[in-house]
PDB file of N, CA and C in Angstrom:
ATOM      1  N   UNK A   1     -26.906 -15.441   1.020  1.00  0.00           N
ATOM      2  CA  UNK A   1     -25.439 -16.143   1.596  1.00  0.00           C
ATOM      3  C   UNK A   1     -24.088 -14.658   1.460  1.00  0.00           C
ATOM      4  N   UNK A   2     -23.820 -14.821   2.518  1.00  0.00           N
ATOM      5  CA  UNK A   2     -22.121 -14.103   2.308  1.00  0.00           C
ATOM      6  C   UNK A   2     -20.941 -15.054   1.999  1.00  0.00           C
ATOM      7  N   UNK A   3     -20.675 -14.584   1.101  1.00  0.00           N
ATOM      8  CA  UNK A   3     -18.929 -14.914   0.229  1.00  0.00           C
ATOM      9  C   UNK A   3     -18.191 -15.101   1.600  1.00  0.00           C
ATOM     10  N   UNK A   4     -17.264 -16.182   1.507  1.00  0.00           N
ATOM     11  CA  UNK A   4     -16.176 -16.212   2.325  1.00  0.00           C
ATOM     12  C   UNK A   4     -15.043 -15.273   1.715  1.00  0.00           C
ATOM     13  N   UNK A   5     -14.564 -14.702   2.916  1.00  0.00           N
ATOM     14  CA  UNK A   5     -13.436 -13.965   2.611  1.00  0.00           C
ATOM     15  C   UNK A   5     -12.087 -14.765   2.993  1.00  0.00           C
ATOM     16  N   UNK A   6     -10.982 -14.347   2.457  1.00  0.00           N
ATOM     17  CA  UNK A   6     -10.098 -14.938   2.785  1.00  0.00           C
ATOM     18  C   UNK A   6      -9.142 -14.813   3.681  1.00  0.00           C
ATOM     19  N   UNK A   7      -8.974 -15.320   4.902  1.00  0.00           N
ATOM     20  CA  UNK A   7      -8.523 -14.689   6.055  1.00  0.00           C
ATOM     21  C   UNK A   7      -7.141 -14.254   6.082  1.00  0.00           C
ATOM     22  N   UNK A   8      -6.484 -14.759   5.508  1.00  0.00           N
ATOM     23  CA  UNK A   8      -5.320 -13.710   4.996  1.00  0.00           C
ATOM     24  C   UNK A   8      -4.736 -12.852   3.703  1.00  0.00           C
ATOM     25  N   UNK A   9      -6.299 -12.721   3.250  1.00  0.00           N
ATOM     26  CA  UNK A   9      -6.245 -11.874   2.080  1.00  0.00           C
ATOM     27  C   UNK A   9      -5.554 -10.376   2.628  1.00  0.00           C
ATOM     28  N   UNK A  10      -5.706  -9.851   3.971  1.00  0.00           N
ATOM     29  CA  UNK A  10      -4.848  -8.704   4.398  1.00  0.00           C
ATOM     30  C   UNK A  10      -3.531  -8.919   4.319  1.00  0.00           C
ATOM     31  N   UNK A  11      -3.293  -9.745   4.972  1.00  0.00           N
ATOM     32  CA  UNK A  11      -1.426 -10.001   5.281  1.00  0.00           C
ATOM     33  C   UNK A  11      -0.697 -10.809   4.264  1.00  0.00           C
ATOM     34  N   UNK A  12      -1.374 -11.246   3.345  1.00  0.00           N
ATOM     35  CA  UNK A  12      -0.603 -11.782   1.910  1.00  0.00           C
ATOM     36  C   UNK A  12       0.244 -10.997   1.012  1.00  0.00           C
ATOM     37  N   UNK A  13       1.463 -11.485   1.067  1.00  0.00           N
ATOM     38  CA  UNK A  13       2.529 -10.090   0.087  1.00  0.00           C
ATOM     39  C   UNK A  13       1.877 -10.554  -1.522  1.00  0.00           C
ATOM     40  N   UNK A  14       2.000  -9.482  -1.638  1.00  0.00           N
ATOM     41  CA  UNK A  14       1.774  -8.629  -3.137  1.00  0.00           C
ATOM     42  C   UNK A  14       2.338  -7.914  -3.635  1.00  0.00           C
ATOM     43  N   UNK A  15       3.169  -8.232  -5.482  1.00  0.00           N
ATOM     44  CA  UNK A  15       4.208  -7.811  -6.387  1.00  0.00           C
ATOM     45  C   UNK A  15       3.502  -5.735  -5.757  1.00  0.00           C
ATOM     46  N   UNK A  16       4.395  -5.038  -6.571  1.00  0.00           N
ATOM     47  CA  UNK A  16       4.300  -3.913  -6.506  1.00  0.00           C
ATOM     48  C   UNK A  16       3.318  -3.027  -7.484  1.00  0.00           C
ATOM     49  N   UNK A  17       3.096  -4.429  -8.660  1.00  0.00           N
ATOM     50  CA  UNK A  17       2.050  -3.915  -9.509  1.00  0.00           C
ATOM     51  C   UNK A  17       0.566  -4.139  -8.603  1.00  0.00           C
ATOM     52  N   UNK A  18       0.330  -5.193  -8.306  1.00  0.00           N
ATOM     53  CA  UNK A  18      -0.565  -5.453  -7.889  1.00  0.00           C
ATOM     54  C   UNK A  18      -1.384  -4.352  -6.747  1.00  0.00           C
ATOM     55  N   UNK A  19       0.299  -4.055  -6.013  1.00  0.00           N
ATOM     56  CA  UNK A  19      -0.097  -2.945  -4.855  1.00  0.00           C
ATOM     57  C   UNK A  19      -0.445  -1.492  -5.515  1.00  0.00           C
ATOM     58  N   UNK A  20      -0.110  -1.246  -6.648  1.00  0.00           N
ATOM     59  CA  UNK A  20      -0.178  -0.236  -7.108  1.00  0.00           C
ATOM     60  C   UNK A  20      -1.374  -0.181  -7.690  1.00  0.00           C
ATOM     61  N   UNK A  21      -1.813  -1.195  -8.388  1.00  0.00           N
ATOM     62  CA  UNK A  21      -3.387  -1.360  -8.351  1.00  0.00           C
ATOM     63  C   UNK A  21      -4.389  -1.219  -7.602  1.00  0.00           C
ATOM     64  N   UNK A  22      -3.692  -1.717  -6.337  1.00  0.00           N
ATOM     65  CA  UNK A  22      -4.985  -1.292  -5.310  1.00  0.00           C
ATOM     66  C   UNK A  22      -5.170  -0.093  -4.906  1.00  0.00           C
ATOM     67  N   UNK A  23      -4.001   0.730  -4.856  1.00  0.00           N
ATOM     68  CA  UNK A  23      -3.916   2.166  -4.642  1.00  0.00           C
ATOM     69  C   UNK A  23      -4.494   2.740  -5.855  1.00  0.00           C
ATOM     70  N   UNK A  24      -4.884   2.804  -6.973  1.00  0.00           N
ATOM     71  CA  UNK A  24      -4.934   3.516  -8.405  1.00  0.00           C
ATOM     72  C   UNK A  24      -4.004   4.338  -8.423  1.00  0.00           C
ATOM     73  N   UNK A  25      -2.799   3.691  -8.439  1.00  0.00           N
ATOM     74  CA  UNK A  25      -1.498   4.409  -8.682  1.00  0.00           C
ATOM     75  C   UNK A  25      -0.989   3.814  -9.563  1.00  0.00           C
ATOM     76  N   UNK A  26       0.543   4.374  -9.969  1.00  0.00           N
ATOM     77  CA  UNK A  26       1.175   3.802 -11.023  1.00  0.00           C
ATOM     78  C   UNK A  26       2.315   3.444 -10.063  1.00  0.00           C
ATOM     79  N   UNK A  27       3.126   2.070 -10.645  1.00  0.00           N
ATOM     80  CA  UNK A  27       3.955   1.048 -10.040  1.00  0.00           C
ATOM     81  C   UNK A  27       5.528   2.495  -9.859  1.00  0.00           C
ATOM     82  N   UNK A  28       5.262   3.241 -11.101  1.00  0.00           N
ATOM     83  CA  UNK A  28       6.541   4.108 -10.732  1.00  0.00           C
ATOM     84  C   UNK A  28       6.388   5.048  -9.623  1.00  0.00           C
ATOM     85  N   UNK A  29       5.116   5.631  -9.239  1.00  0.00           N
ATOM     86  CA  UNK A  29       4.902   6.060  -7.938  1.00  0.00           C
ATOM     87  C   UNK A  29       5.198   5.521  -6.559  1.00  0.00           C
ATOM     88  N   UNK A  30       5.112   4.207  -6.655  1.00  0.00           N
ATOM     89  CA  UNK A  30       5.813   3.187  -5.565  1.00  0.00           C
ATOM     90  C   UNK A  30       7.294   3.294  -5.371  1.00  0.00           C
ATOM     91  N   UNK A  31       7.845   3.341  -6.698  1.00  0.00           N
ATOM     92  CA  UNK A  31       9.096   3.251  -6.485  1.00  0.00           C
ATOM     93  C   UNK A  31       9.459   4.547  -6.132  1.00  0.00           C
ATOM     94  N   UNK A  32       8.812   5.472  -6.693  1.00  0.00           N
ATOM     95  CA  UNK A  32       9.153   7.137  -6.343  1.00  0.00           C
ATOM     96  C   UNK A  32       9.366   7.301  -4.499  1.00  0.00           C
ATOM     97  N   UNK A  33       8.387   6.771  -3.941  1.00  0.00           N
ATOM     98  CA  UNK A  33       7.647   6.794  -2.619  1.00  0.00           C
ATOM     99  C   UNK A  33       8.675   5.672  -1.740  1.00  0.00           C
ATOM    100  N   UNK A  34       9.130   4.701  -2.413  1.00  0.00           N
ATOM    101  CA  UNK A  34      10.245   3.815  -1.359  1.00  0.00           C
ATOM    102  C   UNK A  34      11.432   4.814  -1.566  1.00  0.00           C
ATOM    103  N   UNK A  35      12.246   5.310  -2.590  1.00  0.00           N
ATOM    104  CA  UNK A  35      13.144   6.308  -2.963  1.00  0.00           C
ATOM    105  C   UNK A  35      12.995   7.285  -1.626  1.00  0.00           C
ATOM    106  N   UNK A  36      12.183   8.400  -1.819  1.00  0.00           N
ATOM    107  CA  UNK A  36      12.321   9.578  -1.545  1.00  0.00           C
ATOM    108  C   UNK A  36      11.400   9.732   0.305  1.00  0.00           C
ATOM    109  N   UNK A  37      10.634   8.239   0.262  1.00  0.00           N
ATOM    110  CA  UNK A  37       9.653   8.571   2.271  1.00  0.00           C
ATOM    111  C   UNK A  37       8.386   9.108   1.376  1.00  0.00           C
ATOM    112  N   UNK A  38       7.587   8.499   2.246  1.00  0.00           N
ATOM    113  CA  UNK A  38       6.126   9.069   2.530  1.00  0.00           C
ATOM    114  C   UNK A  38       5.193   7.931   1.776  1.00  0.00           C
ATOM    115  N   UNK A  39       5.590   7.034   1.174  1.00  0.00           N
ATOM    116  CA  UNK A  39       4.607   5.679   0.975  1.00  0.00           C
ATOM    117  C   UNK A  39       4.206   5.134   1.689  1.00  0.00           C
ATOM    118  N   UNK A  40       3.896   3.470   1.387  1.00  0.00           N
ATOM    119  CA  UNK A  40       3.441   2.258   2.722  1.00  0.00           C
ATOM    120  C   UNK A  40       4.387   1.647   2.601  1.00  0.00           C
ATOM    121  N   UNK A  41       4.331   0.876   3.903  1.00  0.00           N
ATOM    122  CA  UNK A  41       5.397   0.028   4.223  1.00  0.00           C
ATOM    123  C   UNK A  41       5.636  -0.776   3.195  1.00  0.00           C
ATOM    124  N   UNK A  42       6.709  -1.219   3.147  1.00  0.00           N
ATOM    125  CA  UNK A  42       7.014  -2.443   2.095  1.00  0.00           C
ATOM    126  C   UNK A  42       8.042  -3.613   2.418  1.00  0.00           C
ATOM    127  N   UNK A  43       8.302  -4.333   2.080  1.00  0.00           N
ATOM    128  CA  UNK A  43       8.899  -5.479   2.608  1.00  0.00           C
ATOM    129  C   UNK A  43      10.203  -5.798   1.307  1.00  0.00           C
ATOM    130  N   UNK A  44      11.164  -5.889   1.662  1.00  0.00           N
ATOM    131  CA  UNK A  44      12.734  -5.909   0.678  1.00  0.00           C
ATOM    132  C   UNK A  44      12.842  -7.428   0.606  1.00  0.00           C
ATOM    133  N   UNK A  45      12.417  -8.147  -0.023  1.00  0.00           N
ATOM    134  CA  UNK A  45      12.683  -9.644  -0.047  1.00  0.00           C
ATOM    135  C   UNK A  45      13.734  -9.927  -0.833  1.00  0.00           C
ATOM    136  N   UNK A  46      14.312  -9.384  -1.537  1.00  0.00           N
ATOM    137  CA  UNK A  46      15.571  -9.743  -2.176  1.00  0.00           C
ATOM    138  C   UNK A  46      16.142  -8.090  -2.721  1.00  0.00           C
ATOM    139  N   UNK A  47      17.002  -8.234  -3.297  1.00  0.00           N
ATOM    140  CA  UNK A  47      18.008  -7.127  -4.194  1.00  0.00           C
ATOM    141  C   UNK A  47      16.866  -6.306  -5.242  1.00  0.00           C
ATOM    142  N   UNK A  48      16.170  -7.225  -5.960  1.00  0.00           N
ATOM    143  CA  UNK A  48      15.259  -6.250  -6.672  1.00  0.00           C
ATOM    144  C   UNK A  48      13.844  -6.822  -6.010  1.00  0.00           C
ATOM    145  N   UNK A  49      13.208  -7.334  -5.280  1.00  0.00           N
ATOM    146  CA  UNK A  49      12.303  -7.618  -5.573  1.00  0.00           C
ATOM    147  C   UNK A  49      11.656  -7.353  -3.923  1.00  0.00           C
ATOM    148  N   UNK A  50      10.593  -6.446  -4.038  1.00  0.00           N
ATOM    149  CA  UNK A  50      10.042  -5.745  -3.530  1.00  0.00           C
ATOM    150  C   UNK A  50       8.412  -6.250  -3.342  1.00  0.00           C
ATOM    151  N   UNK A  51       7.977  -6.467  -1.822  1.00  0.00           N
ATOM    152  CA  UNK A  51       6.517  -7.048  -1.504  1.00  0.00           C
ATOM    153  C   UNK A  51       5.712  -6.021  -0.946  1.00  0.00           C
ATOM    154  N   UNK A  52       4.748  -5.857  -1.084  1.00  0.00           N
ATOM    155  CA  UNK A  52       3.464  -4.858  -0.066  1.00  0.00           C
ATOM    156  C   UNK A  52       2.398  -6.070   0.628  1.00  0.00           C
ATOM    157  N   UNK A  53       1.665  -5.521   2.051  1.00  0.00           N
ATOM    158  CA  UNK A  53       0.544  -6.170   2.548  1.00  0.00           C
ATOM    159  C   UNK A  53      -0.446  -5.166   1.985  1.00  0.00           C
ATOM    160  N   UNK A  54      -1.535  -5.891   1.799  1.00  0.00           N
ATOM    161  CA  UNK A  54      -2.972  -5.035   1.903  1.00  0.00           C
ATOM    162  C   UNK A  54      -3.079  -4.425   3.030  1.00  0.00           C
ATOM    163  N   UNK A  55      -2.645  -4.853   4.394  1.00  0.00           N
ATOM    164  CA  UNK A  55      -2.930  -4.585   5.865  1.00  0.00           C
ATOM    165  C   UNK A  55      -1.883  -3.296   5.518  1.00  0.00           C
ATOM    166  N   UNK A  56      -0.954  -3.355   5.125  1.00  0.00           N
ATOM    167  CA  UNK A  56      -0.004  -1.898   5.371  1.00  0.00           C
ATOM    168  C   UNK A  56      -0.398  -0.860   4.418  1.00  0.00           C
ATOM    169  N   UNK A  57      -1.199  -1.319   3.269  1.00  0.00           N
ATOM    170  CA  UNK A  57      -1.743  -0.104   2.147  1.00  0.00           C
ATOM    171  C   UNK A  57      -3.007   0.165   2.704  1.00  0.00           C
ATOM    172  N   UNK A  58      -3.563  -0.315   3.884  1.00  0.00           N
ATOM    173  CA  UNK A  58      -5.013   0.056   4.368  1.00  0.00           C
ATOM    174  C   UNK A  58      -4.176   1.010   5.402  1.00  0.00           C
ATOM    175  N   UNK A  59      -3.323   0.848   6.147  1.00  0.00           N
ATOM    176  CA  UNK A  59      -2.615   1.764   7.509  1.00  0.00           C
ATOM    177  C   UNK A  59      -2.435   2.985   6.582  1.00  0.00           C
ATOM    178  N   UNK A  60      -1.875   2.524   5.464  1.00  0.00           N
ATOM    179  CA  UNK A  60      -1.027   4.239   4.462  1.00  0.00           C
ATOM    180  C   UNK A  60      -2.408   4.846   4.161  1.00  0.00           C
ATOM    181  N   UNK A  61      -3.247   4.156   3.589  1.00  0.00           N
ATOM    182  CA  UNK A  61      -4.706   5.081   3.384  1.00  0.00           C
ATOM    183  C   UNK A  61      -5.196   5.600   4.383  1.00  0.00           C
ATOM    184  N   UNK A  62      -5.293   5.202   5.347  1.00  0.00           N
ATOM    185  CA  UNK A  62      -5.787   5.700   6.906  1.00  0.00           C
ATOM    186  C   UNK A  62      -4.871   7.173   7.337  1.00  0.00           C
ATOM    187  N   UNK A  63      -3.677   6.677   6.771  1.00  0.00           N
ATOM    188  CA  UNK A  63      -3.221   7.827   7.445  1.00  0.00           C
ATOM    189  C   UNK A  63      -3.486   9.273   6.617  1.00  0.00           C
ATOM    190  N   UNK A  64      -3.449   8.902   5.664  1.00  0.00           N
ATOM    191  CA  UNK A  64      -3.821   9.800   4.636  1.00  0.00           C
ATOM    192  C   UNK A  64      -5.167  10.598   4.492  1.00  0.00           C
ATOM    193  N   UNK A  65      -6.400   9.955   5.396  1.00  0.00           N
ATOM    194  CA  UNK A  65      -7.975  10.633   5.355  1.00  0.00           C
ATOM    195  C   UNK A  65      -7.730  11.722   6.212  1.00  0.00           C
ATOM    196  N   UNK A  66      -8.476  12.632   5.278  1.00  0.00           N
ATOM    197  CA  UNK A  66      -8.895  13.993   6.146  1.00  0.00           C
ATOM    198  C   UNK A  66     -10.429  14.464   5.910  1.00  0.00           C
ATOM    199  N   UNK A  67     -10.813  15.583   6.591  1.00  0.00           N
ATOM    200  CA  UNK A  67     -11.907  15.935   6.950  1.00  0.00           C
ATOM    201  C   UNK A  67     -11.887  17.522   5.637  1.00  0.00           C
ATOM    202  N   UNK A  68     -10.954  17.740   5.782  1.00  0.00           N
ATOM    203  CA  UNK A  68     -11.306  19.242   4.965  1.00  0.00           C
ATOM    204  C   UNK A  68      -9.346  19.545   4.326  1.00  0.00           C
ATOM    205  N   UNK A  69      -9.462  20.224   3.460  1.00  0.00           N
ATOM    206  CA  UNK A  69      -8.153  20.669   3.389  1.00  0.00           C
ATOM    207  C   UNK A  69      -7.055  21.486   4.302  1.00  0.00           C
ATOM    208  N   UNK A  70      -7.673  22.477   4.933  1.00  0.00           N
ATOM    209  CA  UNK A  70      -6.753  22.251   6.298  1.00  0.00           C
ATOM    210  C   UNK A  70      -6.524  21.663   7.273  1.00  0.00           C
ATOM    211  N   UNK A  71      -6.744  20.562   7.311  1.00  0.00           N
ATOM    212  CA  UNK A  71      -6.138  19.393   8.069  1.00  0.00           C
ATOM    213  C   UNK A  71      -5.841  18.255   7.194  1.00  0.00           C
ATOM    214  N   UNK A  72      -4.921  18.714   6.048  1.00  0.00           N
ATOM    215  CA  UNK A  72      -4.106  17.624   5.178  1.00  0.00           C
ATOM    216  C   UNK A  72      -3.116  17.418   5.831  1.00  0.00           C
ATOM    217  N   UNK A  73      -2.611  16.343   5.713  1.00  0.00           N
ATOM    218  CA  UNK A  73      -1.398  15.378   6.408  1.00  0.00           C
ATOM    219  C   UNK A  73      -0.350  15.961   6.112  1.00  0.00           C
ATOM    220  N   UNK A  74       0.660  15.605   7.252  1.00  0.00           N
ATOM    221  CA  UNK A  74       2.078  15.967   7.090  1.00  0.00           C
ATOM    222  C   UNK A  74       2.847  15.422   6.041  1.00  0.00           C
TER     223      UNK A  74
END
């Protein structure tokens, strides 16, 4: 029997702590990427509230995939 997957799992907003955990990075790394660029897309809910979707995190991961070191993403 297969487990039911929540249909909203990839589109539900998650906080930066959960997003960092999902990516196996620190919250500080996400914060730096938001300032400097190069990180996953995010949603600015309010002045201090930032959220991510797992689908955006998955897209960012897919963009970083390479077959060898000479094919590193820019």
